[in-house]
Amino acid sequence: MLLHRPALRRPALALPLVAGLLALTACASGPAAGSGDAGTATTAAPETVTVTDNHGEIEVPYQPERVVALDNHVFQTLSDWGVELVAAPKPVMGDLWPEYTDDPEVLDVGSHREPDLEQVLAAEPDLVIGGQRFGSYYTDLLGMVPATIETDPTEDEVITDGLVRQVEVLGQVFGKEDEAAELAQALEDATAAAADAYNGTDTVMGLITSGGEIAYAAPGSGRAVGPVFTALDLVPAIETQAEDTTHGDDISLEAIAQSDPDWLIVLDRDGALDTEGYVAAQELVEGSPLLQDVTAVREGQVIYLDPDFYLTEDIQSYTALFEQIADAFGASA
């Protein structure tokens, strides 16, 4: 069900100031009075822009100056575009974006497990970008800041489509349509290259390692690994429904060995975290005696996601992953 969201509009008090500034600009750069030259017309930037997010159309400020971002999908894009933040969930950002996490002027909203939403209000944002880990707080955020959008990929769309849609919306909001198009094209190229390199018959299994254990990532669902199957039309070595889409489902090493996948795609969930007793995914998978005869391990056909992937899951990370997959599949052909 779509929630009604009032359109955000600039306060009326700001209009005289804008008009005054435009008048001053015209006096400074326009032709002299009585010259007979009509001059060159200029087009002012819009104050707002209407975009379509996960909940429908919404009018938000164009190129907002005070932005709260909660969705990990967008941090790298905003960083690359030079967008400053006034608040962010620093505990779930690792050390990847120090310009946000190390800046005391950027208020800390905290983890999605125990968020301090009062910090959102304290930041006085023009725009809130919610979603992903903070998706369950959408109604709360919308009640505080009417210009709240969620643009993260949804469960009913192919991950590549969702990431392209997301970056296109951000491009509209921040006036970065050309940059958004470049990101979209890079992802589409990488996806096509990986799909072309896949032989269409090799079986693939997704795994997630965490806490010294190996879990199963169901194809086509969940985060990180599962969506790759749908995007590339991979043949699963085992095809079951996911019970835990975030951490993966329990699976025995014997079950992995019996299914004998040709390829493994592995997310090291703890790789970017400061976890006590951390054991790397490669050690867990390739160091297991029970997996030594699995084709993927024996043939060196194990693809490990970038250790930071669990913190990012953005269009840049998926582009790099599909390039990595394309190289791996191509090298084995």
C-alpha atoms as a PDB file:
ATOM      1  CA  MET A   1       0.000   0.000   0.000  1.00  0.00           C
ATOM      2  CA  LEU A   2       1.412   3.402  -0.930  1.00  0.00           C
ATOM      3  CA  LEU A   3       1.549   5.997   1.841  1.00  0.00           C
ATOM      4  CA  HIS A   4       0.379   9.539   1.104  1.00  0.00           C
ATOM      5  CA  ARG A   5       3.289  11.922   1.281  1.00  0.00           C
ATOM      6  CA  PRO A   6       2.739  15.661   1.148  1.00  0.00           C
ATOM      7  CA  ALA A   7       4.785  17.397  -1.516  1.00  0.00           C
ATOM      8  CA  LEU A   8       7.636  19.399  -0.095  1.00  0.00           C
ATOM      9  CA  ARG A   9       7.668  23.077  -1.059  1.00  0.00           C
ATOM     10  CA  ARG A  10      10.015  25.900  -0.228  1.00  0.00           C
ATOM     11  CA  PRO A  11       8.744  28.341   2.421  1.00  0.00           C
ATOM     12  CA  ALA A  12       7.103  31.404   0.886  1.00  0.00           C
ATOM     13  CA  LEU A  13       9.445  33.698   2.844  1.00  0.00           C
ATOM     14  CA  ALA A  14      12.317  32.551   0.660  1.00  0.00           C
ATOM     15  CA  LEU A  15      10.744  33.810  -2.563  1.00  0.00           C
ATOM     16  CA  PRO A  16      11.520  37.552  -2.149  1.00  0.00           C
ATOM     17  CA  LEU A  17      15.141  36.723  -1.468  1.00  0.00           C
ATOM     18  CA  VAL A  18      15.346  34.563  -4.590  1.00  0.00           C
ATOM     19  CA  ALA A  19      13.665  37.241  -6.653  1.00  0.00           C
ATOM     20  CA  GLY A  20      16.065  39.839  -5.316  1.00  0.00           C
ATOM     21  CA  LEU A  21      19.079  37.759  -6.165  1.00  0.00           C
ATOM     22  CA  LEU A  22      17.804  37.196  -9.685  1.00  0.00           C
ATOM     23  CA  ALA A  23      17.258  40.918 -10.111  1.00  0.00           C
ATOM     24  CA  LEU A  24      20.786  41.671  -8.947  1.00  0.00           C
ATOM     25  CA  THR A  25      22.149  39.080 -11.350  1.00  0.00           C
ATOM     26  CA  ALA A  26      20.227  40.646 -14.233  1.00  0.00           C
ATOM     27  CA  CYS A  27      21.572  44.103 -13.384  1.00  0.00           C
ATOM     28  CA  ALA A  28      25.130  42.850 -13.167  1.00  0.00           C
ATOM     29  CA  SER A  29      25.239  40.799 -16.340  1.00  0.00           C
ATOM     30  CA  GLY A  30      22.445  42.104 -18.559  1.00  0.00           C
ATOM     31  CA  PRO A  31      22.750  44.720 -21.342  1.00  0.00           C
ATOM     32  CA  ALA A  32      22.712  48.439 -20.539  1.00  0.00           C
ATOM     33  CA  ALA A  33      19.300  50.055 -20.358  1.00  0.00           C
ATOM     34  CA  GLY A  34      18.107  51.493 -23.656  1.00  0.00           C
ATOM     35  CA  SER A  35      20.658  49.534 -25.671  1.00  0.00           C
ATOM     36  CA  GLY A  36      17.867  47.852 -27.622  1.00  0.00           C
ATOM     37  CA  ASP A  37      19.473  44.437 -27.056  1.00  0.00           C
ATOM     38  CA  ALA A  38      17.024  42.042 -25.451  1.00  0.00           C
ATOM     39  CA  GLY A  39      19.935  40.102 -23.976  1.00  0.00           C
ATOM     40  CA  THR A  40      20.247  36.391 -23.521  1.00  0.00           C
ATOM     41  CA  ALA A  41      17.595  34.658 -21.452  1.00  0.00           C
ATOM     42  CA  THR A  42      18.812  32.466 -18.595  1.00  0.00           C
ATOM     43  CA  THR A  43      16.993  29.545 -17.041  1.00  0.00           C
ATOM     44  CA  ALA A  44      17.058  29.323 -13.260  1.00  0.00           C
ATOM     45  CA  ALA A  45      17.573  25.934 -11.632  1.00  0.00           C
ATOM     46  CA  PRO A  46      14.351  24.421 -10.280  1.00  0.00           C
ATOM     47  CA  GLU A  47      13.724  24.556  -6.550  1.00  0.00           C
ATOM     48  CA  THR A  48      12.182  21.106  -6.485  1.00  0.00           C
ATOM     49  CA  VAL A  49      12.084  17.992  -8.617  1.00  0.00           C
ATOM     50  CA  THR A  50       9.483  15.236  -8.792  1.00  0.00           C
ATOM     51  CA  VAL A  51      10.929  11.729  -8.707  1.00  0.00           C
ATOM     52  CA  THR A  52       9.502   8.246  -8.369  1.00  0.00           C
ATOM     53  CA  ASP A  53      10.892   6.263  -5.469  1.00  0.00           C
ATOM     54  CA  ASN A  54       9.822   2.898  -4.032  1.00  0.00           C
ATOM     55  CA  HIS A  55       6.522   4.383  -2.852  1.00  0.00           C
ATOM     56  CA  GLY A  56       5.487   6.494  -5.824  1.00  0.00           C
ATOM     57  CA  GLU A  57       5.933  10.068  -6.971  1.00  0.00           C
ATOM     58  CA  ILE A  58       7.265  12.639  -4.524  1.00  0.00           C
ATOM     59  CA  GLU A  59       8.397  16.239  -4.840  1.00  0.00           C
ATOM     60  CA  VAL A  60      11.734  16.898  -3.124  1.00  0.00           C
ATOM     61  CA  PRO A  61      14.277  19.738  -3.097  1.00  0.00           C
ATOM     62  CA  TYR A  62      16.535  19.897  -6.126  1.00  0.00           C
ATOM     63  CA  GLN A  63      20.224  19.698  -5.189  1.00  0.00           C
ATOM     64  CA  PRO A  64      19.424  19.716  -1.455  1.00  0.00           C
ATOM     65  CA  GLU A  65      22.069  21.165   0.820  1.00  0.00           C
ATOM     66  CA  ARG A  66      21.228  19.277   4.023  1.00  0.00           C
ATOM     67  CA  VAL A  67      21.060  15.547   3.345  1.00  0.00           C
ATOM     68  CA  VAL A  68      20.632  12.597   5.697  1.00  0.00           C
ATOM     69  CA  ALA A  69      21.577   9.268   4.061  1.00  0.00           C
ATOM     70  CA  LEU A  70      20.818   5.944   5.754  1.00  0.00           C
ATOM     71  CA  ASP A  71      21.032   3.501   2.838  1.00  0.00           C
ATOM     72  CA  ASN A  72      24.484   1.948   2.356  1.00  0.00           C
ATOM     73  CA  HIS A  73      23.753   1.638  -1.356  1.00  0.00           C
ATOM     74  CA  VAL A  74      24.171   5.394  -1.811  1.00  0.00           C
ATOM     75  CA  PHE A  75      27.208   6.400   0.261  1.00  0.00           C
ATOM     76  CA  GLN A  76      29.813   5.832  -2.455  1.00  0.00           C
ATOM     77  CA  THR A  77      27.770   7.622  -5.080  1.00  0.00           C
ATOM     78  CA  LEU A  78      27.135  10.609  -2.816  1.00  0.00           C
ATOM     79  CA  SER A  79      30.804  10.681  -1.855  1.00  0.00           C
ATOM     80  CA  ASP A  80      31.927  10.627  -5.491  1.00  0.00           C
ATOM     81  CA  TRP A  81      29.482  13.415  -6.311  1.00  0.00           C
ATOM     82  CA  GLY A  82      30.728  15.589  -3.458  1.00  0.00           C
ATOM     83  CA  VAL A  83      27.431  15.528  -1.568  1.00  0.00           C
ATOM     84  CA  GLU A  84      27.852  16.533   2.060  1.00  0.00           C
ATOM     85  CA  LEU A  85      25.800  14.809   4.754  1.00  0.00           C
ATOM     86  CA  VAL A  86      24.402  16.227   7.967  1.00  0.00           C
ATOM     87  CA  ALA A  87      23.650  12.814   9.528  1.00  0.00           C
ATOM     88  CA  ALA A  88      24.441   9.168   8.775  1.00  0.00           C
ATOM     89  CA  PRO A  89      24.443   5.720  10.450  1.00  0.00           C
ATOM     90  CA  LYS A  90      28.148   5.640  11.258  1.00  0.00           C
ATOM     91  CA  PRO A  91      28.248   2.178  12.940  1.00  0.00           C
ATOM     92  CA  VAL A  92      27.252   0.449   9.670  1.00  0.00           C
ATOM     93  CA  MET A  93      29.639   2.387   7.440  1.00  0.00           C
ATOM     94  CA  GLY A  94      32.968   0.900   8.532  1.00  0.00           C
ATOM     95  CA  ASP A  95      35.929   3.059   7.573  1.00  0.00           C
ATOM     96  CA  LEU A  96      35.009   3.363   3.894  1.00  0.00           C
ATOM     97  CA  TRP A  97      33.751   6.950   3.966  1.00  0.00           C
ATOM     98  CA  PRO A  98      35.873   8.883   6.497  1.00  0.00           C
ATOM     99  CA  GLU A  99      34.644  12.213   5.151  1.00  0.00           C
ATOM    100  CA  TYR A 100      31.332  11.282   6.779  1.00  0.00           C
ATOM    101  CA  THR A 101      32.225   9.019   9.699  1.00  0.00           C
ATOM    102  CA  ASP A 102      35.197  11.073  10.969  1.00  0.00           C
ATOM    103  CA  ASP A 103      33.433  14.416  10.712  1.00  0.00           C
ATOM    104  CA  PRO A 104      31.935  15.415  14.090  1.00  0.00           C
ATOM    105  CA  GLU A 105      29.592  17.800  12.269  1.00  0.00           C
ATOM    106  CA  VAL A 106      27.883  14.768  10.702  1.00  0.00           C
ATOM    107  CA  LEU A 107      25.460  13.554  13.369  1.00  0.00           C
ATOM    108  CA  ASP A 108      25.401   9.834  14.132  1.00  0.00           C
ATOM    109  CA  VAL A 109      22.027   8.145  13.658  1.00  0.00           C
ATOM    110  CA  GLY A 110      23.450   4.885  15.001  1.00  0.00           C
ATOM    111  CA  SER A 111      22.876   1.328  13.881  1.00  0.00           C
ATOM    112  CA  HIS A 112      19.577   0.178  12.408  1.00  0.00           C
ATOM    113  CA  ARG A 113      19.261  -2.166  15.384  1.00  0.00           C
ATOM    114  CA  GLU A 114      19.035   0.732  17.844  1.00  0.00           C
ATOM    115  CA  PRO A 115      18.767   3.911  15.780  1.00  0.00           C
ATOM    116  CA  ASP A 116      18.738   7.366  17.300  1.00  0.00           C
ATOM    117  CA  LEU A 117      16.177   8.935  14.997  1.00  0.00           C
ATOM    118  CA  GLU A 118      16.212  12.101  17.059  1.00  0.00           C
ATOM    119  CA  GLN A 119      19.511  12.854  15.347  1.00  0.00           C
ATOM    120  CA  VAL A 120      17.642  13.025  12.048  1.00  0.00           C
ATOM    121  CA  LEU A 121      15.455  15.793  13.415  1.00  0.00           C
ATOM    122  CA  ALA A 122      18.429  17.527  15.017  1.00  0.00           C
ATOM    123  CA  ALA A 123      20.199  17.610  11.627  1.00  0.00           C
ATOM    124  CA  GLU A 124      17.328  19.634  10.111  1.00  0.00           C
ATOM    125  CA  PRO A 125      17.604  17.926   6.708  1.00  0.00           C
ATOM    126  CA  ASP A 126      16.126  19.028   3.404  1.00  0.00           C
ATOM    127  CA  LEU A 127      16.118  15.385   2.287  1.00  0.00           C
ATOM    128  CA  VAL A 128      16.334  11.954   3.910  1.00  0.00           C
ATOM    129  CA  ILE A 129      17.442   8.943   1.876  1.00  0.00           C
ATOM    130  CA  GLY A 130      16.184   5.910   3.763  1.00  0.00           C
ATOM    131  CA  GLY A 131      15.818   2.260   2.859  1.00  0.00           C
ATOM    132  CA  GLN A 132      17.843  -0.940   3.011  1.00  0.00           C
ATOM    133  CA  ARG A 133      18.751  -1.605   6.671  1.00  0.00           C
ATOM    134  CA  PHE A 134      16.540   1.299   7.760  1.00  0.00           C
ATOM    135  CA  GLY A 135      13.548   0.248   5.679  1.00  0.00           C
ATOM    136  CA  SER A 136      11.396  -0.597   8.708  1.00  0.00           C
ATOM    137  CA  TYR A 137      11.655   3.001   9.924  1.00  0.00           C
ATOM    138  CA  TYR A 138      10.233   4.556   6.764  1.00  0.00           C
ATOM    139  CA  THR A 139       6.937   5.649   8.320  1.00  0.00           C
ATOM    140  CA  ASP A 140       8.732   7.192  11.290  1.00  0.00           C
ATOM    141  CA  LEU A 141      11.124   9.085   9.043  1.00  0.00           C
ATOM    142  CA  LEU A 142       8.353  10.270   6.749  1.00  0.00           C
ATOM    143  CA  GLY A 143       6.485  11.641   9.743  1.00  0.00           C
ATOM    144  CA  MET A 144       9.525  13.671  10.730  1.00  0.00           C
ATOM    145  CA  VAL A 145      10.719  14.754   7.280  1.00  0.00           C
ATOM    146  CA  PRO A 146       8.138  14.718   4.447  1.00  0.00           C
ATOM    147  CA  ALA A 147      10.980  14.743   1.904  1.00  0.00           C
ATOM    148  CA  THR A 148      11.998  11.152   2.693  1.00  0.00           C
ATOM    149  CA  ILE A 149      12.706   8.782  -0.176  1.00  0.00           C
ATOM    150  CA  GLU A 150      13.597   5.114  -0.456  1.00  0.00           C
ATOM    151  CA  THR A 151      15.363   4.118  -3.651  1.00  0.00           C
ATOM    152  CA  ASP A 152      17.033   0.819  -2.740  1.00  0.00           C
ATOM    153  CA  PRO A 153      16.429  -2.201  -5.029  1.00  0.00           C
ATOM    154  CA  THR A 154      13.258  -4.064  -4.126  1.00  0.00           C
ATOM    155  CA  GLU A 155      12.792  -7.810  -3.794  1.00  0.00           C
ATOM    156  CA  ASP A 156      10.624  -8.034  -6.905  1.00  0.00           C
ATOM    157  CA  GLU A 157      13.177  -6.580  -9.328  1.00  0.00           C
ATOM    158  CA  VAL A 158      16.441  -7.882 -10.747  1.00  0.00           C
ATOM    159  CA  ILE A 159      19.287  -6.377  -8.754  1.00  0.00           C
ATOM    160  CA  THR A 160      20.836  -4.686 -11.783  1.00  0.00           C
ATOM    161  CA  ASP A 161      17.534  -3.030 -12.701  1.00  0.00           C
ATOM    162  CA  GLY A 162      17.108  -1.822  -9.135  1.00  0.00           C
ATOM    163  CA  LEU A 163      20.597  -0.362  -8.915  1.00  0.00           C
ATOM    164  CA  VAL A 164      20.212   1.473 -12.221  1.00  0.00           C
ATOM    165  CA  ARG A 165      16.828   2.842 -11.149  1.00  0.00           C
ATOM    166  CA  GLN A 166      18.287   3.996  -7.859  1.00  0.00           C
ATOM    167  CA  VAL A 167      21.225   5.871  -9.319  1.00  0.00           C
ATOM    168  CA  GLU A 168      18.989   7.489 -11.944  1.00  0.00           C
ATOM    169  CA  VAL A 169      16.722   8.858  -9.199  1.00  0.00           C
ATOM    170  CA  LEU A 170      19.744  10.187  -7.322  1.00  0.00           C
ATOM    171  CA  GLY A 171      20.967  11.779 -10.535  1.00  0.00           C
ATOM    172  CA  GLN A 172      17.657  13.623 -10.901  1.00  0.00           C
ATOM    173  CA  VAL A 173      17.749  14.863  -7.312  1.00  0.00           C
ATOM    174  CA  PHE A 174      21.355  16.061  -7.304  1.00  0.00           C
ATOM    175  CA  GLY A 175      21.607  17.243 -10.899  1.00  0.00           C
ATOM    176  CA  LYS A 176      23.998  14.438 -11.826  1.00  0.00           C
ATOM    177  CA  GLU A 177      22.117  12.764 -14.671  1.00  0.00           C
ATOM    178  CA  ASP A 178      25.232  12.351 -16.827  1.00  0.00           C
ATOM    179  CA  GLU A 179      27.212  10.799 -13.983  1.00  0.00           C
ATOM    180  CA  ALA A 180      24.309   8.492 -13.185  1.00  0.00           C
ATOM    181  CA  ALA A 181      24.141   7.389 -16.816  1.00  0.00           C
ATOM    182  CA  GLU A 182      27.849   6.529 -16.745  1.00  0.00           C
ATOM    183  CA  LEU A 183      27.387   4.372 -13.634  1.00  0.00           C
ATOM    184  CA  ALA A 184      24.399   2.637 -15.203  1.00  0.00           C
ATOM    185  CA  GLN A 185      26.279   1.951 -18.435  1.00  0.00           C
ATOM    186  CA  ALA A 186      29.268   0.528 -16.565  1.00  0.00           C
ATOM    187  CA  LEU A 187      27.007  -1.888 -14.673  1.00  0.00           C
ATOM    188  CA  GLU A 188      25.167  -2.929 -17.818  1.00  0.00           C
ATOM    189  CA  ASP A 189      28.464  -3.554 -19.625  1.00  0.00           C
ATOM    190  CA  ALA A 190      29.857  -5.628 -16.759  1.00  0.00           C
ATOM    191  CA  THR A 191      26.641  -7.633 -16.468  1.00  0.00           C
ATOM    192  CA  ALA A 192      26.635  -8.381 -20.195  1.00  0.00           C
ATOM    193  CA  ALA A 193      30.286  -9.416 -20.088  1.00  0.00           C
ATOM    194  CA  ALA A 194      29.676 -11.832 -17.202  1.00  0.00           C
ATOM    195  CA  ALA A 195      26.583 -13.301 -18.853  1.00  0.00           C
ATOM    196  CA  ASP A 196      28.452 -13.783 -22.134  1.00  0.00           C
ATOM    197  CA  ALA A 197      31.367 -15.467 -20.365  1.00  0.00           C
ATOM    198  CA  TYR A 198      29.100 -17.980 -18.593  1.00  0.00           C
ATOM    199  CA  ASN A 199      28.725 -21.244 -20.490  1.00  0.00           C
ATOM    200  CA  GLY A 200      25.131 -21.691 -19.344  1.00  0.00           C
ATOM    201  CA  THR A 201      25.606 -25.169 -17.908  1.00  0.00           C
ATOM    202  CA  ASP A 202      28.123 -25.020 -15.033  1.00  0.00           C
ATOM    203  CA  THR A 203      26.423 -25.268 -11.663  1.00  0.00           C
ATOM    204  CA  VAL A 204      26.961 -22.510  -9.129  1.00  0.00           C
ATOM    205  CA  MET A 205      26.450 -22.266  -5.376  1.00  0.00           C
ATOM    206  CA  GLY A 206      26.403 -19.123  -3.260  1.00  0.00           C
ATOM    207  CA  LEU A 207      27.854 -19.186   0.236  1.00  0.00           C
ATOM    208  CA  ILE A 208      28.086 -16.696   3.105  1.00  0.00           C
ATOM    209  CA  THR A 209      30.718 -17.092   5.791  1.00  0.00           C
ATOM    210  CA  SER A 210      30.354 -15.537   9.234  1.00  0.00           C
ATOM    211  CA  GLY A 211      31.444 -16.401  12.747  1.00  0.00           C
ATOM    212  CA  GLY A 212      33.666 -19.197  11.502  1.00  0.00           C
ATOM    213  CA  GLU A 213      30.722 -20.949   9.841  1.00  0.00           C
ATOM    214  CA  ILE A 214      29.632 -21.500   6.224  1.00  0.00           C
ATOM    215  CA  ALA A 215      26.021 -20.735   5.300  1.00  0.00           C
ATOM    216  CA  TYR A 216      24.022 -21.244   2.125  1.00  0.00           C
ATOM    217  CA  ALA A 217      22.852 -18.290   0.029  1.00  0.00           C
ATOM    218  CA  ALA A 218      19.660 -19.195  -1.796  1.00  0.00           C
ATOM    219  CA  PRO A 219      19.723 -18.262  -5.491  1.00  0.00           C
ATOM    220  CA  GLY A 220      17.669 -15.269  -6.511  1.00  0.00           C
ATOM    221  CA  SER A 221      16.909 -13.950  -3.026  1.00  0.00           C
ATOM    222  CA  GLY A 222      18.496 -12.131  -0.150  1.00  0.00           C
ATOM    223  CA  ARG A 223      21.409  -9.764  -0.416  1.00  0.00           C
ATOM    224  CA  ALA A 224      24.798  -9.813  -2.122  1.00  0.00           C
ATOM    225  CA  VAL A 225      25.180 -13.353  -3.522  1.00  0.00           C
ATOM    226  CA  GLY A 226      21.622 -14.535  -4.182  1.00  0.00           C
ATOM    227  CA  PRO A 227      20.679 -11.749  -6.635  1.00  0.00           C
ATOM    228  CA  VAL A 228      23.654 -12.625  -8.860  1.00  0.00           C
ATOM    229  CA  PHE A 229      21.907 -15.839  -9.932  1.00  0.00           C
ATOM    230  CA  THR A 230      18.929 -13.971 -11.365  1.00  0.00           C
ATOM    231  CA  ALA A 231      21.008 -11.253 -12.991  1.00  0.00           C
ATOM    232  CA  LEU A 232      23.217 -13.765 -14.825  1.00  0.00           C
ATOM    233  CA  ASP A 233      20.755 -16.676 -15.155  1.00  0.00           C
ATOM    234  CA  LEU A 234      23.129 -19.051 -13.378  1.00  0.00           C
ATOM    235  CA  VAL A 235      22.315 -22.742 -12.866  1.00  0.00           C
ATOM    236  CA  PRO A 236      22.091 -23.423  -9.100  1.00  0.00           C
ATOM    237  CA  ALA A 237      23.801 -26.495  -7.682  1.00  0.00           C
ATOM    238  CA  ILE A 238      21.043 -26.574  -5.051  1.00  0.00           C
ATOM    239  CA  GLU A 239      17.761 -24.758  -5.412  1.00  0.00           C
ATOM    240  CA  THR A 240      15.890 -24.131  -2.178  1.00  0.00           C
ATOM    241  CA  GLN A 241      14.015 -21.179  -0.728  1.00  0.00           C
ATOM    242  CA  ALA A 242      15.839 -18.867   1.651  1.00  0.00           C
ATOM    243  CA  GLU A 243      14.922 -18.732   5.311  1.00  0.00           C
ATOM    244  CA  ASP A 244      17.517 -16.148   6.363  1.00  0.00           C
ATOM    245  CA  THR A 245      18.172 -13.770   3.493  1.00  0.00           C
ATOM    246  CA  THR A 246      20.733 -11.702   5.405  1.00  0.00           C
ATOM    247  CA  HIS A 247      22.966 -14.244   7.104  1.00  0.00           C
ATOM    248  CA  GLY A 248      22.337 -17.284   4.906  1.00  0.00           C
ATOM    249  CA  ASP A 249      20.815 -20.642   5.825  1.00  0.00           C
ATOM    250  CA  ASP A 250      22.411 -23.554   7.606  1.00  0.00           C
ATOM    251  CA  ILE A 251      24.018 -26.129   5.339  1.00  0.00           C
ATOM    252  CA  SER A 252      26.302 -29.027   6.077  1.00  0.00           C
ATOM    253  CA  LEU A 253      29.664 -29.401   4.403  1.00  0.00           C
ATOM    254  CA  GLU A 254      28.491 -32.833   3.309  1.00  0.00           C
ATOM    255  CA  ALA A 255      25.571 -31.269   1.442  1.00  0.00           C
ATOM    256  CA  ILE A 256      27.907 -28.896  -0.359  1.00  0.00           C
ATOM    257  CA  ALA A 257      30.215 -31.761  -1.279  1.00  0.00           C
ATOM    258  CA  GLN A 258      27.341 -33.938  -2.474  1.00  0.00           C
ATOM    259  CA  SER A 259      25.974 -31.204  -4.746  1.00  0.00           C
ATOM    260  CA  ASP A 260      29.490 -30.757  -6.188  1.00  0.00           C
ATOM    261  CA  PRO A 261      29.099 -27.235  -7.658  1.00  0.00           C
ATOM    262  CA  ASP A 262      31.362 -26.232 -10.532  1.00  0.00           C
ATOM    263  CA  TRP A 263      31.606 -22.728  -9.081  1.00  0.00           C
ATOM    264  CA  LEU A 264      31.294 -21.133  -5.672  1.00  0.00           C
ATOM    265  CA  ILE A 265      30.512 -17.452  -5.153  1.00  0.00           C
ATOM    266  CA  VAL A 266      31.316 -16.516  -1.574  1.00  0.00           C
ATOM    267  CA  LEU A 267      30.521 -13.478   0.572  1.00  0.00           C
ATOM    268  CA  ASP A 268      32.802 -13.045   3.588  1.00  0.00           C
ATOM    269  CA  ARG A 269      30.283 -11.278   5.804  1.00  0.00           C
ATOM    270  CA  ASP A 270      32.815 -10.538   8.538  1.00  0.00           C
ATOM    271  CA  GLY A 271      35.557  -9.437   6.155  1.00  0.00           C
ATOM    272  CA  ALA A 272      34.958  -5.707   6.640  1.00  0.00           C
ATOM    273  CA  LEU A 273      34.095  -5.950  10.337  1.00  0.00           C
ATOM    274  CA  ASP A 274      36.327  -5.947  13.376  1.00  0.00           C
ATOM    275  CA  THR A 275      35.079  -9.320  14.561  1.00  0.00           C
ATOM    276  CA  GLU A 276      36.791 -11.195  17.366  1.00  0.00           C
ATOM    277  CA  GLY A 277      38.043 -14.615  16.282  1.00  0.00           C
ATOM    278  CA  TYR A 278      37.572 -13.767  12.590  1.00  0.00           C
ATOM    279  CA  VAL A 279      38.308 -16.570  10.129  1.00  0.00           C
ATOM    280  CA  ALA A 280      38.618 -15.607   6.456  1.00  0.00           C
ATOM    281  CA  ALA A 281      36.218 -17.159   3.959  1.00  0.00           C
ATOM    282  CA  GLN A 282      39.038 -18.595   1.892  1.00  0.00           C
ATOM    283  CA  GLU A 283      40.378 -20.472   4.904  1.00  0.00           C
ATOM    284  CA  LEU A 284      36.936 -21.828   5.762  1.00  0.00           C
ATOM    285  CA  VAL A 285      36.166 -22.985   2.227  1.00  0.00           C
ATOM    286  CA  GLU A 286      39.472 -24.109   0.768  1.00  0.00           C
ATOM    287  CA  GLY A 287      40.849 -25.277   4.108  1.00  0.00           C
ATOM    288  CA  SER A 288      37.966 -27.659   4.773  1.00  0.00           C
ATOM    289  CA  PRO A 289      38.941 -31.332   4.286  1.00  0.00           C
ATOM    290  CA  LEU A 290      35.344 -32.156   3.341  1.00  0.00           C
ATOM    291  CA  LEU A 291      35.390 -29.708   0.428  1.00  0.00           C
ATOM    292  CA  GLN A 292      38.708 -30.664  -1.141  1.00  0.00           C
ATOM    293  CA  ASP A 293      37.106 -32.849  -3.805  1.00  0.00           C
ATOM    294  CA  VAL A 294      34.386 -30.355  -4.737  1.00  0.00           C
ATOM    295  CA  THR A 295      34.931 -29.344  -8.362  1.00  0.00           C
ATOM    296  CA  ALA A 296      34.909 -25.608  -7.570  1.00  0.00           C
ATOM    297  CA  VAL A 297      37.623 -26.002  -4.940  1.00  0.00           C
ATOM    298  CA  ARG A 298      39.683 -28.539  -6.853  1.00  0.00           C
ATOM    299  CA  GLU A 299      39.656 -26.453 -10.036  1.00  0.00           C
ATOM    300  CA  GLY A 300      40.215 -23.134  -8.289  1.00  0.00           C
ATOM    301  CA  GLN A 301      36.790 -21.874  -9.345  1.00  0.00           C
ATOM    302  CA  VAL A 302      35.864 -19.998  -6.184  1.00  0.00           C
ATOM    303  CA  ILE A 303      34.929 -16.329  -6.522  1.00  0.00           C
ATOM    304  CA  TYR A 304      35.248 -14.293  -3.322  1.00  0.00           C
ATOM    305  CA  LEU A 305      33.401 -11.010  -3.126  1.00  0.00           C
ATOM    306  CA  ASP A 306      35.345  -7.937  -2.084  1.00  0.00           C
ATOM    307  CA  PRO A 307      35.608  -7.923   1.745  1.00  0.00           C
ATOM    308  CA  ASP A 308      33.781  -4.586   1.879  1.00  0.00           C
ATOM    309  CA  PHE A 309      30.831  -5.846  -0.163  1.00  0.00           C
ATOM    310  CA  TYR A 310      28.619  -6.463   2.874  1.00  0.00           C
ATOM    311  CA  LEU A 311      28.908  -2.775   3.786  1.00  0.00           C
ATOM    312  CA  THR A 312      28.360  -1.396   0.297  1.00  0.00           C
ATOM    313  CA  GLU A 313      26.178  -3.546  -1.993  1.00  0.00           C
ATOM    314  CA  ASP A 314      26.024  -0.529  -4.287  1.00  0.00           C
ATOM    315  CA  ILE A 315      26.150  -0.112  -8.048  1.00  0.00           C
ATOM    316  CA  GLN A 316      29.928   0.285  -7.948  1.00  0.00           C
ATOM    317  CA  SER A 317      30.388  -2.960  -6.004  1.00  0.00           C
ATOM    318  CA  TYR A 318      28.128  -4.984  -8.277  1.00  0.00           C
ATOM    319  CA  THR A 319      29.880  -3.570 -11.333  1.00  0.00           C
ATOM    320  CA  ALA A 320      33.235  -4.702  -9.934  1.00  0.00           C
ATOM    321  CA  LEU A 321      31.775  -8.107  -8.990  1.00  0.00           C
ATOM    322  CA  PHE A 322      30.379  -8.772 -12.455  1.00  0.00           C
ATOM    323  CA  GLU A 323      33.708  -7.755 -13.981  1.00  0.00           C
ATOM    324  CA  GLN A 324      35.386 -10.202 -11.602  1.00  0.00           C
ATOM    325  CA  ILE A 325      32.928 -12.956 -12.553  1.00  0.00           C
ATOM    326  CA  ALA A 326      33.412 -12.251 -16.260  1.00  0.00           C
ATOM    327  CA  ASP A 327      37.180 -12.607 -15.876  1.00  0.00           C
ATOM    328  CA  ALA A 328      36.843 -15.824 -13.863  1.00  0.00           C
ATOM    329  CA  PHE A 329      34.385 -17.465 -16.256  1.00  0.00           C
ATOM    330  CA  GLY A 330      36.414 -16.331 -19.240  1.00  0.00           C
ATOM    331  CA  ALA A 331      39.653 -17.711 -17.860  1.00  0.00           C
ATOM    332  CA  SER A 332      38.123 -21.169 -17.411  1.00  0.00           C
ATOM    333  CA  ALA A 333      36.631 -21.393 -20.890  1.00  0.00           C
END
